[in-house]
All heavy atoms as atom14 arrays in JSON, in Angstrom:
{
  "sequence": "WKLSTEDLWRWYGSVSSWSAPSRKNARSAICS",
  "atom14_mask": [
    [1, 1, 1, 1, 1, 1, 1, 1, 1, 1, 1, 1, 1, 1],
    [1, 1, 1, 1, 1, 1, 1, 1, 1, 0, 0, 0, 0, 0],
    [1, 1, 1, 1, 1, 1, 1, 1, 0, 0, 0, 0, 0, 0],
    [1, 1, 1, 1, 1, 1, 0, 0, 0, 0, 0, 0, 0, 0],
    [1, 1, 1, 1, 1, 1, 1, 0, 0, 0, 0, 0, 0, 0],
    [1, 1, 1, 1, 1, 1, 1, 1, 1, 0, 0, 0, 0, 0],
    [1, 1, 1, 1, 1, 1, 1, 1, 0, 0, 0, 0, 0, 0],
    [1, 1, 1, 1, 1, 1, 1, 1, 0, 0, 0, 0, 0, 0],
    [1, 1, 1, 1, 1, 1, 1, 1, 1, 1, 1, 1, 1, 1],
    [1, 1, 1, 1, 1, 1, 1, 1, 1, 1, 1, 0, 0, 0],
    [1, 1, 1, 1, 1, 1, 1, 1, 1, 1, 1, 1, 1, 1],
    [1, 1, 1, 1, 1, 1, 1, 1, 1, 1, 1, 1, 0, 0],
    [1, 1, 1, 1, 0, 0, 0, 0, 0, 0, 0, 0, 0, 0],
    [1, 1, 1, 1, 1, 1, 0, 0, 0, 0, 0, 0, 0, 0],
    [1, 1, 1, 1, 1, 1, 1, 0, 0, 0, 0, 0, 0, 0],
    [1, 1, 1, 1, 1, 1, 0, 0, 0, 0, 0, 0, 0, 0],
    [1, 1, 1, 1, 1, 1, 0, 0, 0, 0, 0, 0, 0, 0],
    [1, 1, 1, 1, 1, 1, 1, 1, 1, 1, 1, 1, 1, 1],
    [1, 1, 1, 1, 1, 1, 0, 0, 0, 0, 0, 0, 0, 0],
    [1, 1, 1, 1, 1, 0, 0, 0, 0, 0, 0, 0, 0, 0],
    [1, 1, 1, 1, 1, 1, 1, 0, 0, 0, 0, 0, 0, 0],
    [1, 1, 1, 1, 1, 1, 0, 0, 0, 0, 0, 0, 0, 0],
    [1, 1, 1, 1, 1, 1, 1, 1, 1, 1, 1, 0, 0, 0],
    [1, 1, 1, 1, 1, 1, 1, 1, 1, 0, 0, 0, 0, 0],
    [1, 1, 1, 1, 1, 1, 1, 1, 0, 0, 0, 0, 0, 0],
    [1, 1, 1, 1, 1, 0, 0, 0, 0, 0, 0, 0, 0, 0],
    [1, 1, 1, 1, 1, 1, 1, 1, 1, 1, 1, 0, 0, 0],
    [1, 1, 1, 1, 1, 1, 0, 0, 0, 0, 0, 0, 0, 0],
    [1, 1, 1, 1, 1, 0, 0, 0, 0, 0, 0, 0, 0, 0],
    [1, 1, 1, 1, 1, 1, 1, 1, 0, 0, 0, 0, 0, 0],
    [1, 1, 1, 1, 1, 1, 0, 0, 0, 0, 0, 0, 0, 0],
    [1, 1, 1, 1, 1, 1, 0, 0, 0, 0, 0, 0, 0, 0]
  ],
  "atom14_positions": [
    [[-9.1, 10.71, 5.41], [-9.72, 10.13, 6.6], [-10.89, 9.22, 6.28], [-11.51, 8.66, 7.18], [-10.13, 11.25, 7.55], [-9.09, 12.31, 7.71], [-9.29, 13.65, 7.65], [-7.69, 12.14, 7.94], [-8.11, 14.32, 7.83], [-7.09, 13.41, 8.0], [-6.86, 11.03, 8.07], [-5.74, 13.6, 8.22], [-5.49, 11.23, 8.27], [-4.95, 12.5, 8.35]],
    [[-11.21, 9.08, 5.0], [-12.35, 8.24, 4.6], [-11.92, 6.92, 3.95], [-12.76, 6.13, 3.55], [-13.25, 8.99, 3.62], [-13.85, 10.26, 4.19], [-14.79, 9.96, 5.33], [-15.42, 11.24, 5.85], [-16.18, 11.03, 7.06], [0.0, 0.0, 0.0], [0.0, 0.0, 0.0], [0.0, 0.0, 0.0], [0.0, 0.0, 0.0], [0.0, 0.0, 0.0]],
    [[-10.6, 6.68, 3.84], [-10.15, 5.42, 3.22], [-10.25, 4.28, 4.22], [-10.0, 4.45, 5.42], [-8.71, 5.56, 2.71], [-8.48, 6.59, 1.62], [-7.04, 6.52, 1.13], [-9.44, 6.44, 0.48], [0.0, 0.0, 0.0], [0.0, 0.0, 0.0], [0.0, 0.0, 0.0], [0.0, 0.0, 0.0], [0.0, 0.0, 0.0], [0.0, 0.0, 0.0]],
    [[-10.6, 3.12, 3.71], [-10.73, 1.93, 4.56], [-9.47, 1.07, 4.45], [-8.61, 1.3, 3.59], [-11.93, 1.1, 4.09], [-11.65, 0.54, 2.81], [0.0, 0.0, 0.0], [0.0, 0.0, 0.0], [0.0, 0.0, 0.0], [0.0, 0.0, 0.0], [0.0, 0.0, 0.0], [0.0, 0.0, 0.0], [0.0, 0.0, 0.0], [0.0, 0.0, 0.0]],
    [[-9.39, 0.07, 5.3], [-8.29, -0.89, 5.23], [-8.25, -1.52, 3.85], [-7.18, -1.65, 3.24], [-8.46, -1.99, 6.31], [-8.49, -1.36, 7.6], [-7.34, -3.01, 6.26], [0.0, 0.0, 0.0], [0.0, 0.0, 0.0], [0.0, 0.0, 0.0], [0.0, 0.0, 0.0], [0.0, 0.0, 0.0], [0.0, 0.0, 0.0], [0.0, 0.0, 0.0]],
    [[-9.41, -1.87, 3.32], [-9.47, -2.48, 1.99], [-8.96, -1.52, 0.92], [-8.24, -1.92, 0.01], [-10.89, -2.93, 1.67], [-10.98, -3.64, 0.33], [-12.35, -4.22, 0.05], [-13.18, -4.33, 0.97], [-12.58, -4.57, -1.12], [0.0, 0.0, 0.0], [0.0, 0.0, 0.0], [0.0, 0.0, 0.0], [0.0, 0.0, 0.0], [0.0, 0.0, 0.0]],
    [[-9.32, -0.25, 1.02], [-8.82, 0.74, 0.06], [-7.29, 0.76, 0.07], [-6.65, 0.83, -0.98], [-9.31, 2.16, 0.4], [-10.8, 2.34, 0.23], [-11.38, 1.74, -0.7], [-11.38, 3.1, 1.03], [0.0, 0.0, 0.0], [0.0, 0.0, 0.0], [0.0, 0.0, 0.0], [0.0, 0.0, 0.0], [0.0, 0.0, 0.0], [0.0, 0.0, 0.0]],
    [[-6.72, 0.7, 1.26], [-5.27, 0.8, 1.4], [-4.56, -0.42, 0.82], [-3.63, -0.27, 0.04], [-4.89, 1.0, 2.87], [-5.42, 2.27, 3.52], [-5.07, 2.31, 5.0], [-4.89, 3.5, 2.8], [0.0, 0.0, 0.0], [0.0, 0.0, 0.0], [0.0, 0.0, 0.0], [0.0, 0.0, 0.0], [0.0, 0.0, 0.0], [0.0, 0.0, 0.0]],
    [[-4.98, -1.63, 1.2], [-4.26, -2.8, 0.69], [-4.5, -3.0, -0.8], [-3.62, -3.45, -1.52], [-4.49, -4.07, 1.49], [-5.86, -4.68, 1.5], [-6.76, -4.6, 2.52], [-6.48, -5.49, 0.5], [-7.9, -5.29, 2.2], [-7.75, -5.85, 0.96], [-6.09, -5.93, -0.76], [-8.63, -6.63, 0.23], [-6.96, -6.72, -1.49], [-8.22, -7.06, -1.0]],
    [[-5.68, -2.63, -1.27], [-5.92, -2.71, -2.73], [-4.99, -1.76, -3.48], [-4.47, -2.08, -4.53], [-7.37, -2.39, -3.07], [-8.32, -3.51, -2.83], [-9.71, -3.16, -3.37], [-10.64, -4.21, -3.07], [-10.76, -5.34, -3.76], [-9.99, -5.55, -4.8], [-11.64, -6.24, -3.41], [0.0, 0.0, 0.0], [0.0, 0.0, 0.0], [0.0, 0.0, 0.0]],
    [[-4.79, -0.57, -2.89], [-3.96, 0.42, -3.57], [-2.51, -0.05, -3.67], [-1.96, -0.13, -4.75], [-4.03, 1.77, -2.85], [-3.14, 2.77, -3.49], [-3.38, 3.47, -4.64], [-1.84, 3.16, -3.07], [-2.32, 4.27, -4.95], [-1.35, 4.1, -4.0], [-1.03, 2.81, -1.99], [-0.1, 4.69, -3.88], [0.21, 3.4, -1.87], [0.65, 4.34, -2.81]],
    [[-1.87, -0.38, -2.55], [-0.45, -0.72, -2.66], [-0.24, -2.11, -3.24], [0.84, -2.41, -3.76], [0.33, -0.49, -1.36], [0.15, -1.49, -0.25], [0.74, -2.74, -0.27], [-0.59, -1.15, 0.88], [0.59, -3.63, 0.77], [-0.74, -2.03, 1.92], [-0.14, -3.27, 1.86], [-0.29, -4.14, 2.91], [0.0, 0.0, 0.0], [0.0, 0.0, 0.0]],
    [[-1.25, -2.93, -3.23], [-1.14, -4.24, -3.87], [-1.37, -4.19, -5.37], [-0.99, -5.1, -6.1], [0.0, 0.0, 0.0], [0.0, 0.0, 0.0], [0.0, 0.0, 0.0], [0.0, 0.0, 0.0], [0.0, 0.0, 0.0], [0.0, 0.0, 0.0], [0.0, 0.0, 0.0], [0.0, 0.0, 0.0], [0.0, 0.0, 0.0], [0.0, 0.0, 0.0]],
    [[-1.98, -3.11, -5.85], [-2.32, -3.03, -7.27], [-1.22, -2.44, -8.13], [-1.31, -2.47, -9.34], [-3.59, -2.21, -7.45], [-3.32, -0.85, -7.17], [0.0, 0.0, 0.0], [0.0, 0.0, 0.0], [0.0, 0.0, 0.0], [0.0, 0.0, 0.0], [0.0, 0.0, 0.0], [0.0, 0.0, 0.0], [0.0, 0.0, 0.0], [0.0, 0.0, 0.0]],
    [[-0.22, -1.89, -7.52], [0.86, -1.27, -8.29], [1.83, -2.38, -8.69], [2.81, -2.65, -8.02], [1.56, -0.15, -7.5], [2.53, 0.6, -8.39], [0.55, 0.8, -6.91], [0.0, 0.0, 0.0], [0.0, 0.0, 0.0], [0.0, 0.0, 0.0], [0.0, 0.0, 0.0], [0.0, 0.0, 0.0], [0.0, 0.0, 0.0], [0.0, 0.0, 0.0]],
    [[1.5, -3.05, -9.82], [2.25, -4.24, -10.22], [3.69, -3.94, -10.6], [4.53, -4.82, -10.57], [1.54, -4.94, -11.38], [1.45, -4.06, -12.49], [0.0, 0.0, 0.0], [0.0, 0.0, 0.0], [0.0, 0.0, 0.0], [0.0, 0.0, 0.0], [0.0, 0.0, 0.0], [0.0, 0.0, 0.0], [0.0, 0.0, 0.0], [0.0, 0.0, 0.0]],
    [[4.0, -2.7, -10.94], [5.37, -2.36, -11.32], [6.27, -2.22, -10.09], [7.49, -2.15, -10.22], [5.4, -1.08, -12.14], [4.91, 0.0, -11.37], [0.0, 0.0, 0.0], [0.0, 0.0, 0.0], [0.0, 0.0, 0.0], [0.0, 0.0, 0.0], [0.0, 0.0, 0.0], [0.0, 0.0, 0.0], [0.0, 0.0, 0.0], [0.0, 0.0, 0.0]],
    [[5.69, -2.17, -8.89], [6.49, -2.03, -7.68], [6.99, -3.39, -7.23], [6.26, -4.38, -7.24], [5.68, -1.41, -6.55], [5.37, 0.05, -6.73], [5.61, 0.82, -7.83], [4.77, 0.91, -5.78], [5.19, 2.1, -7.61], [4.67, 2.19, -6.36], [4.3, 0.72, -4.49], [4.13, 3.27, -5.69], [3.76, 1.8, -3.83], [3.67, 3.06, -4.41]],
    [[8.23, -3.44, -6.79], [8.8, -4.66, -6.25], [8.21, -4.91, -4.86], [7.61, -4.01, -4.25], [10.32, -4.52, -6.15], [10.64, -3.51, -5.21], [0.0, 0.0, 0.0], [0.0, 0.0, 0.0], [0.0, 0.0, 0.0], [0.0, 0.0, 0.0], [0.0, 0.0, 0.0], [0.0, 0.0, 0.0], [0.0, 0.0, 0.0], [0.0, 0.0, 0.0]],
    [[8.42, -6.1, -4.34], [7.94, -6.4, -2.98], [8.55, -5.45, -1.95], [7.83, -4.96, -1.09], [8.22, -7.86, -2.63], [0.0, 0.0, 0.0], [0.0, 0.0, 0.0], [0.0, 0.0, 0.0], [0.0, 0.0, 0.0], [0.0, 0.0, 0.0], [0.0, 0.0, 0.0], [0.0, 0.0, 0.0], [0.0, 0.0, 0.0], [0.0, 0.0, 0.0]],
    [[9.86, -5.15, -2.01], [10.38, -4.17, -1.05], [9.73, -2.79, -1.18], [9.52, -2.11, -0.18], [11.88, -4.11, -1.38], [12.19, -5.44, -1.99], [10.95, -5.79, -2.76], [0.0, 0.0, 0.0], [0.0, 0.0, 0.0], [0.0, 0.0, 0.0], [0.0, 0.0, 0.0], [0.0, 0.0, 0.0], [0.0, 0.0, 0.0], [0.0, 0.0, 0.0]],
    [[9.37, -2.39, -2.4], [8.69, -1.09, -2.59], [7.3, -1.12, -1.99], [6.86, -0.15, -1.36], [8.61, -0.73, -4.07], [9.9, -0.49, -4.58], [0.0, 0.0, 0.0], [0.0, 0.0, 0.0], [0.0, 0.0, 0.0], [0.0, 0.0, 0.0], [0.0, 0.0, 0.0], [0.0, 0.0, 0.0], [0.0, 0.0, 0.0], [0.0, 0.0, 0.0]],
    [[6.58, -2.23, -2.16], [5.25, -2.36, -1.55], [5.36, -2.37, -0.02], [4.54, -1.8, 0.67], [4.53, -3.59, -2.07], [4.01, -3.4, -3.5], [3.06, -4.5, -3.94], [3.57, -5.85, -3.76], [4.38, -6.48, -4.61], [4.78, -5.88, -5.71], [4.79, -7.7, -4.36], [0.0, 0.0, 0.0], [0.0, 0.0, 0.0], [0.0, 0.0, 0.0]],
    [[6.41, -3.03, 0.48], [6.62, -3.05, 1.93], [6.89, -1.63, 2.44], [6.38, -1.23, 3.49], [7.79, -3.97, 2.28], [8.04, -4.09, 3.75], [9.12, -5.09, 4.05], [9.28, -5.2, 5.56], [9.8, -6.45, 5.98], [0.0, 0.0, 0.0], [0.0, 0.0, 0.0], [0.0, 0.0, 0.0], [0.0, 0.0, 0.0], [0.0, 0.0, 0.0]],
    [[7.68, -0.88, 1.71], [7.96, 0.51, 2.07], [6.68, 1.34, 2.03], [6.45, 2.18, 2.9], [9.02, 1.08, 1.12], [9.64, 2.34, 1.63], [9.86, 2.52, 2.82], [9.95, 3.25, 0.72], [0.0, 0.0, 0.0], [0.0, 0.0, 0.0], [0.0, 0.0, 0.0], [0.0, 0.0, 0.0], [0.0, 0.0, 0.0], [0.0, 0.0, 0.0]],
    [[5.83, 1.1, 1.02], [4.55, 1.81, 0.93], [3.68, 1.49, 2.13], [3.05, 2.38, 2.72], [3.83, 1.44, -0.37], [0.0, 0.0, 0.0], [0.0, 0.0, 0.0], [0.0, 0.0, 0.0], [0.0, 0.0, 0.0], [0.0, 0.0, 0.0], [0.0, 0.0, 0.0], [0.0, 0.0, 0.0], [0.0, 0.0, 0.0], [0.0, 0.0, 0.0]],
    [[3.65, 0.22, 2.54], [2.88, -0.17, 3.71], [3.4, 0.55, 4.95], [2.64, 1.03, 5.77], [2.92, -1.68, 3.92], [2.1, -2.13, 5.11], [2.33, -3.61, 5.42], [1.61, -3.99, 6.6], [2.06, -3.81, 7.85], [3.23, -3.25, 8.07], [1.33, -4.19, 8.89], [0.0, 0.0, 0.0], [0.0, 0.0, 0.0], [0.0, 0.0, 0.0]],
    [[4.73, 0.64, 5.08], [5.32, 1.33, 6.23], [4.91, 2.8, 6.26], [4.59, 3.34, 7.32], [6.84, 1.21, 6.2], [7.24, -0.13, 6.35], [0.0, 0.0, 0.0], [0.0, 0.0, 0.0], [0.0, 0.0, 0.0], [0.0, 0.0, 0.0], [0.0, 0.0, 0.0], [0.0, 0.0, 0.0], [0.0, 0.0, 0.0], [0.0, 0.0, 0.0]],
    [[4.93, 3.44, 5.1], [4.53, 4.85, 5.01], [3.08, 5.01, 5.42], [2.72, 5.91, 6.19], [4.76, 5.37, 3.59], [0.0, 0.0, 0.0], [0.0, 0.0, 0.0], [0.0, 0.0, 0.0], [0.0, 0.0, 0.0], [0.0, 0.0, 0.0], [0.0, 0.0, 0.0], [0.0, 0.0, 0.0], [0.0, 0.0, 0.0], [0.0, 0.0, 0.0]],
    [[2.22, 4.14, 4.9], [0.79, 4.2, 5.2], [0.54, 3.99, 6.69], [-0.23, 4.71, 7.32], [0.02, 3.18, 4.34], [0.03, 3.62, 2.87], [-1.39, 2.97, 4.85], [-0.41, 2.53, 1.9], [0.0, 0.0, 0.0], [0.0, 0.0, 0.0], [0.0, 0.0, 0.0], [0.0, 0.0, 0.0], [0.0, 0.0, 0.0], [0.0, 0.0, 0.0]],
    [[1.2, 2.99, 7.26], [1.02, 2.7, 8.69], [1.52, 3.85, 9.56], [0.89, 4.19, 10.56], [1.73, 1.4, 9.07], [0.92, -0.08, 8.42], [0.0, 0.0, 0.0], [0.0, 0.0, 0.0], [0.0, 0.0, 0.0], [0.0, 0.0, 0.0], [0.0, 0.0, 0.0], [0.0, 0.0, 0.0], [0.0, 0.0, 0.0], [0.0, 0.0, 0.0]],
    [[2.62, 4.47, 9.15], [3.13, 5.62, 9.9], [2.13, 6.77, 9.85], [1.79, 7.37, 10.88], [4.47, 6.07, 9.31], [4.89, 7.28, 9.88], [0.0, 0.0, 0.0], [0.0, 0.0, 0.0], [0.0, 0.0, 0.0], [0.0, 0.0, 0.0], [0.0, 0.0, 0.0], [0.0, 0.0, 0.0], [0.0, 0.0, 0.0], [0.0, 0.0, 0.0]]
  ]
}
């Protein structure tokens, strides 16, 4: 409950081994 928007996008954007669809899926999970 203490993570910010910046924490979230930095996290899923920093996983360079993930493909764009994987990052999109991560964003969906986070938003849900």
